Protein backbone atom coordinates (compact mmCIF):
# COMPACT_ATOMS: atom_id res chain seq x y z
CA LEU A 1 -22.43 -5.02 -51.08
CA LEU A 2 -21.21 -7.10 -48.16
CA ASN A 3 -24.17 -7.71 -45.82
CA ILE A 4 -22.96 -7.84 -42.21
CA ASN A 5 -25.29 -8.72 -39.34
CA VAL A 6 -23.67 -7.82 -36.01
CA GLY A 7 -25.72 -8.75 -32.95
CA GLY A 8 -29.00 -8.35 -34.85
CA LYS A 9 -28.13 -5.05 -36.58
CA LEU A 10 -27.55 -5.00 -40.34
CA PHE A 11 -24.63 -3.12 -41.93
CA GLN A 12 -23.70 -2.94 -45.61
CA ILE A 13 -20.15 -2.34 -46.79
CA ALA A 14 -18.94 -2.33 -50.39
CA TYR A 15 -16.60 -5.21 -51.29
CA SER A 16 -14.10 -2.75 -52.76
CA VAL A 17 -14.04 -0.67 -49.54
CA ALA A 18 -13.52 -3.70 -47.28
CA ALA A 19 -10.81 -5.05 -49.61
CA GLN A 20 -8.72 -1.91 -49.05
CA TYR A 21 -7.82 -3.36 -45.64
CA PRO A 22 -6.89 -6.98 -46.47
CA ILE A 23 -5.50 -7.85 -43.03
CA THR A 24 -8.81 -7.07 -41.27
CA ARG A 25 -11.55 -9.66 -40.81
CA LEU A 26 -13.96 -7.97 -43.21
CA GLY A 27 -11.14 -7.39 -45.71
CA LYS A 28 -10.42 -11.13 -45.75
CA LEU A 29 -14.15 -11.80 -46.05
CA ALA A 30 -14.28 -9.57 -49.14
CA LEU A 31 -11.15 -11.08 -50.75
CA TYR A 32 -11.64 -14.79 -50.07
CA THR A 33 -13.29 -16.83 -52.82
CA ASP A 34 -13.43 -20.13 -50.93
CA PRO A 35 -16.84 -20.36 -49.13
CA MET A 36 -15.34 -22.54 -46.35
CA LYS A 37 -12.74 -19.91 -45.50
CA LYS A 38 -15.47 -17.28 -45.39
CA LEU A 39 -17.51 -19.37 -42.97
CA GLN A 40 -14.49 -19.64 -40.68
CA LEU A 41 -14.43 -15.85 -40.40
CA CYS A 42 -18.04 -15.47 -39.24
CA ASP A 43 -20.33 -17.14 -36.72
CA ASP A 44 -23.12 -17.95 -39.17
CA TYR A 45 -24.25 -17.35 -42.74
CA SER A 46 -27.77 -16.91 -44.16
CA VAL A 47 -27.98 -18.14 -47.76
CA GLN A 48 -31.42 -16.61 -48.36
CA LYS A 49 -30.44 -13.12 -47.17
CA ASN A 50 -26.74 -13.44 -48.10
CA GLU A 51 -25.83 -12.18 -44.64
CA TYR A 52 -22.76 -12.92 -42.60
CA PHE A 53 -23.68 -13.05 -38.92
CA PHE A 54 -21.27 -12.03 -36.15
CA ASP A 55 -22.15 -12.49 -32.48
CA ARG A 56 -20.36 -9.33 -31.36
CA ASP A 57 -21.22 -5.99 -29.76
CA PRO A 58 -23.15 -3.87 -32.31
CA SER A 59 -22.52 -0.61 -30.43
CA ILE A 60 -18.74 -1.00 -30.84
CA PHE A 61 -19.14 -2.09 -34.47
CA HIS A 62 -20.48 1.39 -35.27
CA TYR A 63 -16.91 2.64 -34.80
CA ILE A 64 -15.61 -0.21 -37.02
CA PHE A 65 -18.23 0.60 -39.67
CA HIS A 66 -17.24 4.27 -39.58
CA PHE A 67 -13.58 3.25 -39.97
CA TYR A 68 -14.29 1.45 -43.27
CA ARG A 69 -16.23 4.43 -44.55
CA SER A 70 -13.75 7.18 -43.55
CA GLY A 71 -10.45 5.38 -42.94
CA VAL A 72 -10.24 6.85 -39.40
CA LEU A 73 -10.98 4.99 -36.18
CA TRP A 74 -12.78 7.35 -33.82
CA ILE A 75 -12.87 6.59 -30.08
CA MET A 76 -15.48 8.10 -27.79
CA ASP A 77 -14.95 8.71 -24.07
CA GLU A 78 -17.88 6.56 -23.00
CA VAL A 79 -16.50 3.28 -24.37
CA CYS A 80 -14.93 0.73 -22.03
CA PRO A 81 -11.22 0.43 -22.92
CA SER A 82 -11.05 -3.33 -22.30
CA ASN A 83 -14.17 -4.04 -24.37
CA PHE A 84 -13.08 -1.72 -27.17
CA VAL A 85 -9.60 -3.29 -27.44
CA GLU A 86 -11.12 -6.77 -27.45
CA GLU A 87 -13.52 -5.83 -30.25
CA ILE A 88 -11.00 -4.12 -32.54
CA GLU A 89 -8.61 -7.05 -32.08
CA TYR A 90 -11.39 -9.39 -33.16
CA TRP A 91 -12.07 -7.32 -36.28
CA GLY A 92 -8.33 -7.08 -36.99
CA ILE A 93 -8.09 -3.29 -36.80
CA HIS A 94 -5.05 -1.71 -35.17
CA LEU A 95 -5.25 1.24 -32.83
CA LYS A 96 -2.80 3.14 -35.07
CA TYR A 97 -5.69 3.97 -37.43
CA SER A 98 -7.15 6.30 -34.78
CA GLN A 99 -6.35 9.98 -34.52
CA ARG A 100 -3.41 10.89 -32.27
CA CYS A 101 -5.58 12.91 -29.88
CA CYS A 102 -8.03 10.02 -29.49
CA ARG A 103 -5.22 7.51 -29.10
CA ILE A 104 -3.46 9.50 -26.36
CA LEU A 105 -6.67 9.93 -24.34
CA PHE A 106 -7.58 6.30 -24.85
CA GLU A 107 -4.17 5.04 -23.71
CA GLU A 108 -4.38 7.26 -20.63
CA LYS A 109 -7.79 5.81 -19.86
CA GLN A 110 -6.36 2.31 -20.33
CA ASP A 111 -3.52 3.06 -17.90
CA GLU A 112 -5.98 4.46 -15.34
CA LEU A 113 -8.15 1.35 -15.62
CA SER A 114 -5.14 -0.97 -15.29
CA GLU A 115 -3.93 0.94 -12.23
CA TYR A 116 -7.41 0.83 -10.72
CA LEU A 117 -7.71 -2.92 -11.24
CA LYS A 118 -4.21 -3.46 -9.83
CA ILE A 119 -5.00 -1.45 -6.69
CA GLN A 120 -8.35 -3.20 -6.33
CA LYS A 121 -6.61 -6.57 -6.47
CA GLU A 122 -4.02 -5.52 -3.91
CA LEU A 123 -6.74 -4.15 -1.63
CA GLU A 124 -8.54 -7.49 -1.75
CA ALA A 125 -5.26 -9.25 -1.00
CA GLU A 126 -4.75 -6.88 1.95
CA LEU A 127 -7.93 -8.16 3.58
CA GLU A 128 -7.65 -11.73 2.38
CA PRO A 129 -6.88 -13.98 5.35
CA LEU A 130 -3.74 -16.09 5.37
CA ASP A 131 -5.88 -19.23 5.56
CA THR A 132 -9.47 -20.07 4.74
CA ALA A 133 -11.81 -22.75 6.04
CA GLU A 134 -11.12 -24.89 2.95
CA HIS A 135 -7.39 -25.09 3.72
CA PHE A 136 -8.00 -27.31 6.75
CA GLU A 137 -9.82 -30.05 4.87
CA GLY A 138 -7.86 -33.30 4.99
CA LYS A 139 -5.19 -31.84 7.30
CA PHE A 140 -4.08 -33.32 10.63
CA LEU A 141 -6.61 -32.27 13.30
CA GLY A 142 -8.29 -30.17 10.63
CA GLY A 143 -11.51 -29.60 12.57
CA PHE A 144 -9.71 -28.52 15.74
CA ARG A 145 -7.29 -26.22 13.87
CA LYS A 146 -10.19 -24.70 11.96
CA SER A 147 -11.97 -23.92 15.24
CA VAL A 148 -8.84 -22.31 16.66
CA TRP A 149 -8.34 -20.36 13.43
CA ASN A 150 -11.90 -18.99 13.55
CA LEU A 151 -11.39 -18.06 17.18
CA ILE A 152 -8.17 -16.12 16.51
CA GLU A 153 -8.41 -14.85 12.93
CA ASN A 154 -12.13 -14.38 12.32
CA PRO A 155 -13.65 -12.03 14.94
CA TYR A 156 -17.04 -12.14 13.22
CA SER A 157 -17.37 -15.93 13.50
CA SER A 158 -18.56 -16.03 17.13
CA VAL A 159 -18.89 -14.06 20.35
CA PRO A 160 -15.73 -15.61 21.92
CA ALA A 161 -13.78 -14.62 18.79
CA LYS A 162 -14.93 -11.00 19.21
CA ILE A 163 -13.95 -11.10 22.89
CA ILE A 164 -10.45 -12.35 22.01
CA ALA A 165 -10.06 -9.60 19.37
CA VAL A 166 -11.06 -6.95 21.93
CA MET A 167 -8.74 -8.50 24.54
CA SER A 168 -5.85 -8.44 22.07
CA SER A 169 -6.27 -4.71 21.50
CA PHE A 170 -6.77 -4.14 25.24
CA PHE A 171 -3.55 -5.95 26.17
CA VAL A 172 -1.61 -3.99 23.53
CA LEU A 173 -2.80 -0.71 25.03
CA ILE A 174 -2.15 -1.92 28.59
CA SER A 175 1.37 -3.00 27.61
CA ILE A 176 2.15 0.38 26.03
CA VAL A 177 0.76 2.24 29.06
CA GLY A 178 2.82 0.01 31.39
CA MET A 179 5.99 0.65 29.38
CA THR A 180 5.30 4.40 29.54
CA LEU A 181 4.64 4.42 33.30
CA SER A 182 7.81 2.41 33.97
CA THR A 183 9.87 5.45 32.93
CA VAL A 184 8.18 7.73 35.51
CA ASP A 185 10.36 8.37 38.57
CA GLU A 186 7.51 7.66 41.00
CA MET A 187 7.09 4.17 39.51
CA LYS A 188 10.77 3.23 39.75
CA HIS A 189 10.62 2.33 43.44
CA LYS A 190 10.42 -1.30 44.52
CA THR A 191 6.59 -1.63 44.69
CA GLY A 192 5.94 0.19 41.43
CA LYS A 193 8.67 -1.74 39.65
CA MET A 194 7.20 -5.03 40.90
CA TRP A 195 3.74 -4.09 39.58
CA MET A 196 5.15 -3.11 36.20
CA GLU A 197 7.07 -6.40 35.93
CA GLN A 198 3.94 -8.41 36.78
CA LEU A 199 1.92 -6.46 34.22
CA GLU A 200 4.59 -7.07 31.59
CA MET A 201 4.60 -10.78 32.40
CA ILE A 202 0.80 -11.05 32.04
CA CYS A 203 0.89 -9.22 28.69
CA ALA A 204 3.77 -11.38 27.45
CA ILE A 205 1.93 -14.57 28.44
CA PHE A 206 -1.18 -13.42 26.56
CA PHE A 207 0.80 -12.43 23.44
CA THR A 208 2.72 -15.70 23.52
CA SER A 209 -0.49 -17.74 23.84
CA GLU A 210 -2.03 -15.78 20.97
CA TYR A 211 1.04 -16.36 18.78
CA LEU A 212 1.13 -20.08 19.54
CA MET A 213 -2.59 -20.43 18.77
CA ARG A 214 -2.01 -18.75 15.39
CA LEU A 215 0.94 -21.03 14.74
CA ILE A 216 -1.05 -24.16 15.62
CA SER A 217 -4.04 -23.15 13.50
CA SER A 218 -1.95 -22.18 10.45
CA SER A 219 -2.37 -24.50 7.46
CA SER A 220 1.11 -23.68 6.12
CA PHE A 221 4.13 -23.01 8.32
CA LYS A 222 6.02 -21.21 5.52
CA LYS A 223 3.12 -18.87 4.76
CA PHE A 224 2.77 -18.20 8.48
CA LEU A 225 6.40 -17.09 8.80
CA ARG A 226 6.20 -14.88 5.68
CA ALA A 227 3.10 -13.01 6.89
CA ALA A 228 3.84 -9.45 8.03
CA PHE A 229 1.37 -9.46 10.93
CA ASN A 230 2.87 -12.64 12.35
CA ALA A 231 6.31 -11.03 12.24
CA VAL A 232 4.88 -8.11 14.22
CA ASP A 233 3.46 -10.56 16.78
CA LEU A 234 6.89 -12.19 17.13
CA VAL A 235 8.58 -8.81 17.64
CA ALA A 236 5.97 -8.05 20.31
CA ILE A 237 6.90 -11.05 22.48
CA LEU A 238 10.65 -11.46 21.84
CA PRO A 239 11.82 -8.47 23.97
CA PHE A 240 10.33 -10.03 27.12
CA TYR A 241 12.23 -13.30 26.74
CA ILE A 242 15.44 -11.61 25.58
CA GLN A 243 15.24 -9.37 28.63
CA ILE A 244 14.94 -12.42 30.91
CA LEU A 245 17.93 -14.01 29.16
CA PHE A 246 20.13 -10.93 29.57
CA GLU A 247 19.10 -10.48 33.19
CA ASN A 248 20.19 -14.06 33.89
CA LEU A 249 23.47 -13.35 32.14
CA ASP A 250 23.81 -10.24 34.28
CA GLN A 251 23.33 -12.28 37.45
CA GLY A 252 25.84 -14.86 36.27
CA ASP A 253 28.30 -12.08 35.62
CA ASP A 254 27.87 -10.87 39.21
CA LEU A 255 28.76 -14.34 40.47
CA TYR A 256 31.87 -14.90 38.39
CA HIS A 257 33.32 -11.41 38.08
CA GLU A 258 34.03 -9.31 41.12
CA GLU A 259 36.78 -7.14 39.71
CA LEU A 260 36.80 -4.03 37.54
CA ASP A 261 35.72 -5.92 34.42
CA LYS A 262 32.33 -6.59 36.03
CA VAL A 263 31.41 -2.90 36.04
CA GLU A 264 32.09 -2.53 32.32
CA SER A 265 30.12 -5.66 31.34
CA VAL A 266 27.16 -4.72 33.55
CA SER A 267 27.11 -1.27 31.95
CA LYS A 268 27.03 -2.81 28.46
CA LEU A 269 24.25 -5.21 29.44
CA GLY A 270 22.28 -2.32 30.90
CA LYS A 271 22.42 -0.45 27.58
CA VAL A 272 21.35 -3.55 25.67
CA LEU A 273 18.47 -4.10 28.10
CA LYS A 274 17.29 -0.52 27.61
CA LEU A 275 17.29 -1.03 23.84
CA ILE A 276 15.39 -4.32 24.15
CA LYS A 277 12.80 -2.75 26.44
CA LEU A 278 12.35 0.03 23.91
CA MET A 279 11.46 -2.56 21.27
CA ARG A 280 8.20 -3.15 23.13
CA ILE A 281 6.87 0.02 21.52
CA PHE A 282 6.44 -2.02 18.31
CA ARG A 283 3.55 -3.80 20.02
CA ILE A 284 1.36 -0.92 18.99
CA LEU A 285 1.64 -2.24 15.40
CA LYS A 286 -0.48 -5.19 16.52
CA LEU A 287 -3.44 -2.82 16.49
CA ALA A 288 -3.22 -2.79 12.68
CA ARG A 289 -4.59 -6.35 12.68
CA HIS A 290 -7.94 -5.04 13.91
CA SER A 291 -7.76 -1.45 12.61
CA THR A 292 -8.91 -0.60 9.08
CA GLY A 293 -7.44 2.90 9.39
CA LEU A 294 -3.93 1.64 10.14
CA ARG A 295 -4.15 -0.84 7.28
CA ALA A 296 -5.28 1.92 4.93
CA PHE A 297 -2.38 4.11 6.10
CA GLY A 298 0.18 1.37 5.48
CA PHE A 299 -1.37 0.58 2.09
CA THR A 300 -1.27 4.29 1.16
CA MET A 301 2.43 4.51 2.03
CA ARG A 302 3.19 1.46 -0.13
CA GLN A 303 1.20 2.76 -3.09
CA CYS A 304 2.51 6.34 -2.85
CA TYR A 305 6.16 5.61 -2.15
CA GLN A 306 7.17 7.57 -5.27
CA GLN A 307 5.35 10.71 -4.06
CA VAL A 308 6.83 10.28 -0.58
CA CYS A 309 10.35 9.89 -2.00
CA CYS A 310 9.77 13.00 -4.15
CA LEU A 311 8.65 14.94 -1.07
CA LEU A 312 11.76 13.87 0.87
CA LEU A 313 13.96 14.81 -2.09
CA PHE A 314 12.41 18.30 -2.33
CA ILE A 315 12.79 18.77 1.43
CA ALA A 316 16.46 17.78 1.25
CA MET A 317 17.02 20.18 -1.66
CA GLY A 318 15.29 23.00 0.24
CA VAL A 319 17.26 22.33 3.42
CA PHE A 320 20.62 22.41 1.62
CA THR A 321 19.72 25.46 -0.50
CA PHE A 322 18.26 27.71 2.19
CA SER A 323 20.81 26.71 4.84
CA ALA A 324 23.59 27.71 2.43
CA LEU A 325 21.86 31.04 1.67
CA MET A 326 21.25 31.75 5.35
CA HIS A 327 24.86 31.01 6.26
CA SER A 328 26.14 33.29 3.51
CA VAL A 329 24.14 36.31 4.79
CA GLU A 330 24.33 35.64 8.57
CA HIS A 331 27.78 34.18 9.28
CA ASP A 332 29.38 37.62 9.93
CA VAL A 333 26.79 38.67 12.54
CA PRO A 334 28.27 38.59 16.09
CA GLY A 335 26.82 35.81 18.24
CA THR A 336 24.99 34.16 15.31
CA ASN A 337 23.95 30.52 15.42
CA PHE A 338 24.56 30.14 11.69
CA THR A 339 28.29 29.52 12.06
CA SER A 340 28.30 26.85 9.35
CA ILE A 341 25.96 25.32 6.80
CA PRO A 342 25.41 22.13 8.88
CA ASP A 343 24.46 24.35 11.84
CA ALA A 344 21.79 25.98 9.63
CA TRP A 345 20.26 22.64 8.60
CA TRP A 346 18.05 22.46 11.70
CA TRP A 347 16.70 25.97 11.09
CA ALA A 348 15.98 25.16 7.43
CA ALA A 349 14.23 21.87 8.32
CA VAL A 350 11.86 23.41 10.89
CA SER A 351 11.19 26.39 8.62
CA LEU A 352 10.38 24.19 5.60
CA SER A 353 7.99 22.14 7.71
CA THR A 354 6.36 25.46 8.80
CA VAL A 355 6.85 24.44 12.46
CA GLY A 356 9.29 27.23 13.28
CA TYR A 357 10.45 26.61 16.85
CA GLY A 358 12.09 30.04 17.01
CA ASP A 359 15.21 28.68 18.70
CA THR A 360 17.33 29.96 15.80
CA VAL A 361 16.30 33.14 13.97
CA PRO A 362 18.05 35.50 11.52
CA ASP A 363 19.09 38.98 12.62
CA THR A 364 19.68 40.77 9.31
CA VAL A 365 17.17 41.98 6.74
CA LEU A 366 18.61 39.71 4.07
CA GLY A 367 18.40 36.80 6.50
CA ARG A 368 14.73 37.48 7.13
CA MET A 369 14.10 37.65 3.38
CA VAL A 370 15.77 34.24 2.99
CA ALA A 371 13.65 32.95 5.89
CA PHE A 372 10.47 34.23 4.21
CA GLY A 373 11.45 32.46 0.98
CA CYS A 374 12.16 29.24 2.90
CA ILE A 375 8.78 29.34 4.69
CA SER A 376 6.91 30.16 1.45
CA PHE A 377 8.64 27.28 -0.33
CA GLY A 378 7.72 24.99 2.57
CA ILE A 379 4.03 25.95 2.35
CA ILE A 380 3.95 25.22 -1.39
CA LEU A 381 5.96 22.03 -0.94
CA ASN A 382 3.70 20.64 1.79
CA GLY A 383 0.54 21.51 -0.09
CA MET A 384 1.28 19.52 -3.24
CA PRO A 385 1.85 15.86 -2.28
CA ILE A 386 0.02 15.85 1.07
CA SER A 387 -3.33 16.51 -0.60
CA ILE A 388 -2.68 13.59 -2.98
CA LEU A 389 -1.75 11.32 -0.08
CA TYR A 390 -4.83 12.34 1.89
CA ASN A 391 -7.18 11.79 -1.06
CA LYS A 392 -5.71 8.35 -1.73
CA PHE A 393 -5.86 7.44 1.96
CA SER A 394 -9.55 8.40 2.09
CA ASP A 395 -10.25 6.38 -1.05
CA TYR A 396 -8.37 3.30 0.17
CA TYR A 397 -9.97 3.51 3.61
CA ALA A 398 -13.47 3.67 2.10
CA LYS A 399 -12.73 0.68 -0.16
CA LEU A 400 -11.25 -1.39 2.66
CA LYS A 401 -14.21 -0.58 4.89
CA ALA A 402 -16.68 -1.47 2.12
CA HIS A 403 -14.85 -4.75 1.45
CA GLU A 404 -14.93 -5.63 5.17
CA THR A 405 -18.66 -4.83 5.36
CA SER A 406 -19.46 -6.94 2.28
CA ASN A 407 -17.59 -9.89 3.77
């Protein structure tokens, strides 16, 4: 008998049984005649007891021991996949010796664990700051840049840092409210317009100062430019300066062009200015810097892009299918809105989403039956992936919140 001591527990295996698997560690131990080669296979050897000692997990070795006795590698649900794979690789036993049912379940568990670890790593990277305090050591004005970095990027470092974080969110909200009020007719008169312009200038000055402070305190200019949040900050302040530039061009155009061409150019500049002013709405994305919920939502969309694409594909299929059916049964009805399949797309889209504005409705019995099928399909379609997205969002939000609390 081959006396095997694994982590303090003794096992005995016949030499002939172990030799049936010559590529395994115990098979080599049974076949080798050179004592030095045998010692290389184990961690220690007791001459008095004739025991080969292995400093491995004895609970996993029970499965290895059973494999030598039965020729089948059984895998229980409670074992850790990473630990089990590490142990069987050490003993030289391949996973192919396990039963197919066990192997399928085990591989699924391995995939789940790998996906969990991948998501966990990405979640940690989501909250990991662009710079840390160690990055400023030995840099030019390292102490000053570190202080500025703590003030801007680490709200929990001091009371002034918390105040700046609150002010950042406050100015974002004020800017969005100001942009909204500027479209109201009562605010388009001279006084209201002047107040809105002053408010926009104050917000732009604050956002610019915040961006410059982040730029100064960054330890790496390249990393700073690649960061998504810094790109959002840049988009938040660029419309203000582009608007000033175009307004100056507009004034210059008034000075140099007094003919018919001036009207056309001013009209084009006006459209561009409207588009640039609309870009200020992206400032609301700055709230994601201080909002765990918005971060969790963005992370969920990135992780579940396959489910989202599937949902969009099913919606497109439903829209094309039911709009074609509705047109085929309703196109002969006098005064119908379903004059063509593209005209029926809007009805199919709002019916699939179960919104149902009622602006376009079928008149025939067959049309109502098609509408019922479209609405039923929409209910089933919305129920499948949305629950998955919500569950993942809740999970990611809880993990992000726990990670923030632990830090």
